[in-house]
Amino acid sequence: MIIVLDTNVLVSGLLKGNSSAGTIVRLVAKGNLQVAYDARVLTEYRDVLSRAKFGLREKEVDVLLLQIKEEGELVSAEPLEIELPDPDDKPFLELAFAVNDHVLVTGNKKHFPPEACKHVSVMSPSEFIKFYLGQEDR
């Protein structure tokens, strides 16, 4: 399954390993989930994860980003003519429109109003884990 991960999910997952976001990061690290990405998203991931306030080791960030690049899905997304509460979230929604599974996982669902997302399923980390486990049961 290919999903789009908002940066806040990666941060939360790395800082709180026992959380739903932590489970998602482990699924990505194990290769069970693929992350859709483009250059904009990878740059944001690196910039945010490298902030000193999070205390993440550079090597840990490098390994995760390499995993995403090697096993994820590089996507060429079309620009969308929509407004979002946080314009910095637009690349994530553009990627979600471009991938077949149309799943965007974020800790800030309010930043992705339903009228802008149309057929994209915007889920919190805990909602996604329930959805993912339901898919495995089939």
Protein backbone atom coordinates (compact mmCIF):
# COMPACT_ATOMS: atom_id res chain seq x y z
CA MET A 1 0.00 0.00 0.00
CA ILE A 2 1.25 3.46 -0.91
CA ILE A 3 0.39 6.29 1.47
CA VAL A 4 1.21 9.94 1.86
CA LEU A 5 2.63 10.86 5.27
CA ASP A 6 2.44 14.35 6.64
CA THR A 7 5.69 15.37 8.30
CA ASN A 8 4.06 15.55 11.72
CA VAL A 9 3.41 11.79 11.59
CA LEU A 10 7.11 11.06 11.01
CA VAL A 11 8.14 13.37 13.83
CA SER A 12 5.60 11.91 16.22
CA GLY A 13 6.47 8.36 15.20
CA LEU A 14 10.16 8.86 15.82
CA LEU A 15 9.62 10.62 19.15
CA LYS A 16 6.86 8.34 20.45
CA GLY A 17 7.65 4.83 19.27
CA ASN A 18 4.69 3.23 21.06
CA SER A 19 2.13 5.54 19.43
CA SER A 20 0.08 4.89 16.31
CA ALA A 21 2.48 7.16 14.44
CA GLY A 22 5.35 5.03 15.78
CA THR A 23 3.64 1.93 14.42
CA ILE A 24 3.36 3.59 11.01
CA VAL A 25 7.05 4.51 11.02
CA ARG A 26 7.91 0.88 11.90
CA LEU A 27 5.69 -0.39 9.07
CA VAL A 28 7.53 1.94 6.69
CA ALA A 29 10.93 0.84 8.05
CA LYS A 30 9.99 -2.82 7.60
CA GLY A 31 8.85 -2.20 4.04
CA ASN A 32 5.21 -3.06 4.77
CA LEU A 33 4.10 0.42 3.67
CA GLN A 34 5.41 2.58 0.86
CA VAL A 35 5.50 6.35 1.21
CA ALA A 36 4.68 8.54 -1.79
CA TYR A 37 7.14 11.42 -2.04
CA ASP A 38 8.60 14.07 -4.27
CA ALA A 39 11.52 16.46 -3.85
CA ARG A 40 9.40 19.01 -1.95
CA VAL A 41 8.28 16.47 0.63
CA LEU A 42 11.73 14.93 1.11
CA THR A 43 13.17 18.40 1.66
CA GLU A 44 10.52 19.17 4.27
CA TYR A 45 11.07 15.82 5.99
CA ARG A 46 14.81 16.48 6.24
CA ASP A 47 14.42 20.11 7.33
CA VAL A 48 11.92 19.32 10.08
CA LEU A 49 13.48 16.08 11.33
CA SER A 50 16.88 17.80 11.55
CA ARG A 51 15.65 20.47 13.97
CA ALA A 52 17.65 20.40 17.18
CA LYS A 53 14.51 20.62 19.33
CA PHE A 54 13.56 17.06 18.34
CA GLY A 55 16.93 15.62 19.33
CA LEU A 56 16.96 13.08 16.50
CA ARG A 57 20.32 11.78 15.43
CA GLU A 58 21.39 12.70 11.91
CA LYS A 59 22.09 9.05 11.10
CA GLU A 60 18.57 8.05 12.22
CA VAL A 61 17.06 10.70 9.95
CA ASP A 62 19.31 9.66 7.05
CA VAL A 63 18.35 6.00 7.39
CA LEU A 64 14.63 6.76 7.45
CA LEU A 65 14.81 9.06 4.45
CA LEU A 66 16.90 6.54 2.52
CA GLN A 67 14.30 3.88 3.31
CA ILE A 68 11.53 6.16 2.03
CA LYS A 69 13.48 6.90 -1.17
CA GLU A 70 14.48 3.31 -1.87
CA GLU A 71 11.19 1.61 -1.07
CA GLY A 72 8.74 4.47 -1.47
CA GLU A 73 7.13 5.81 -4.60
CA LEU A 74 8.54 8.87 -6.33
CA VAL A 75 5.45 10.66 -7.63
CA SER A 76 5.01 13.43 -10.14
CA ALA A 77 2.00 15.33 -8.83
CA GLU A 78 -0.08 17.87 -10.70
CA PRO A 79 -0.54 21.26 -9.03
CA LEU A 80 -3.98 21.68 -7.48
CA GLU A 81 -6.00 24.87 -7.70
CA ILE A 82 -7.31 24.69 -4.14
CA GLU A 83 -6.81 26.61 -0.94
CA LEU A 84 -5.86 24.88 2.31
CA PRO A 85 -5.73 26.38 5.82
CA ASP A 86 -1.95 25.78 5.76
CA PRO A 87 -0.51 26.30 2.25
CA ASP A 88 2.56 24.24 3.26
CA ASP A 89 0.30 21.16 3.30
CA LYS A 90 -0.58 21.45 -0.39
CA PRO A 91 2.25 19.16 -1.66
CA PHE A 92 0.95 16.33 0.55
CA LEU A 93 -2.56 16.63 -0.85
CA GLU A 94 -1.20 16.85 -4.41
CA LEU A 95 0.67 13.59 -3.84
CA ALA A 96 -2.43 11.94 -2.38
CA PHE A 97 -4.41 12.88 -5.50
CA ALA A 98 -1.67 11.33 -7.65
CA VAL A 99 -1.35 7.90 -6.01
CA ASN A 100 -3.79 5.04 -6.50
CA ASP A 101 -4.58 4.39 -2.84
CA HIS A 102 -5.44 8.07 -2.14
CA VAL A 103 -4.59 7.86 1.58
CA LEU A 104 -3.07 10.79 3.45
CA VAL A 105 -2.09 10.28 7.08
CA THR A 106 -1.77 13.40 9.21
CA GLY A 107 -1.95 14.56 12.78
CA ASN A 108 -3.71 17.71 11.55
CA LYS A 109 -6.89 16.57 9.81
CA LYS A 110 -8.40 20.04 10.16
CA HIS A 111 -5.75 21.28 7.71
CA PHE A 112 -7.33 19.08 5.02
CA PRO A 113 -11.03 20.03 4.74
CA PRO A 114 -13.25 17.42 3.04
CA GLU A 115 -14.35 19.79 0.29
CA ALA A 116 -10.70 20.17 -0.81
CA CYS A 117 -9.82 16.49 -0.50
CA LYS A 118 -12.65 14.95 -2.56
CA HIS A 119 -11.72 11.25 -3.05
CA VAL A 120 -8.65 11.32 -0.78
CA SER A 121 -9.04 9.53 2.55
CA VAL A 122 -7.48 11.78 5.19
CA MET A 123 -6.82 9.79 8.36
CA SER A 124 -5.20 10.32 11.71
CA PRO A 125 -2.46 7.83 12.59
CA SER A 126 -4.83 5.83 14.82
CA GLU A 127 -7.54 5.78 12.14
CA PHE A 128 -5.01 4.61 9.61
CA ILE A 129 -3.77 1.76 11.83
CA LYS A 130 -7.36 0.52 12.25
CA PHE A 131 -7.91 0.79 8.49
CA TYR A 132 -4.60 -0.96 7.71
CA LEU A 133 -5.25 -3.82 10.13
CA GLY A 134 -8.71 -4.23 8.58
CA GLN A 135 -7.09 -4.52 5.15
CA GLU A 136 -4.77 -7.26 6.43
CA ASP A 137 -7.74 -9.28 7.73
CA ARG A 138 -9.18 -9.56 4.23
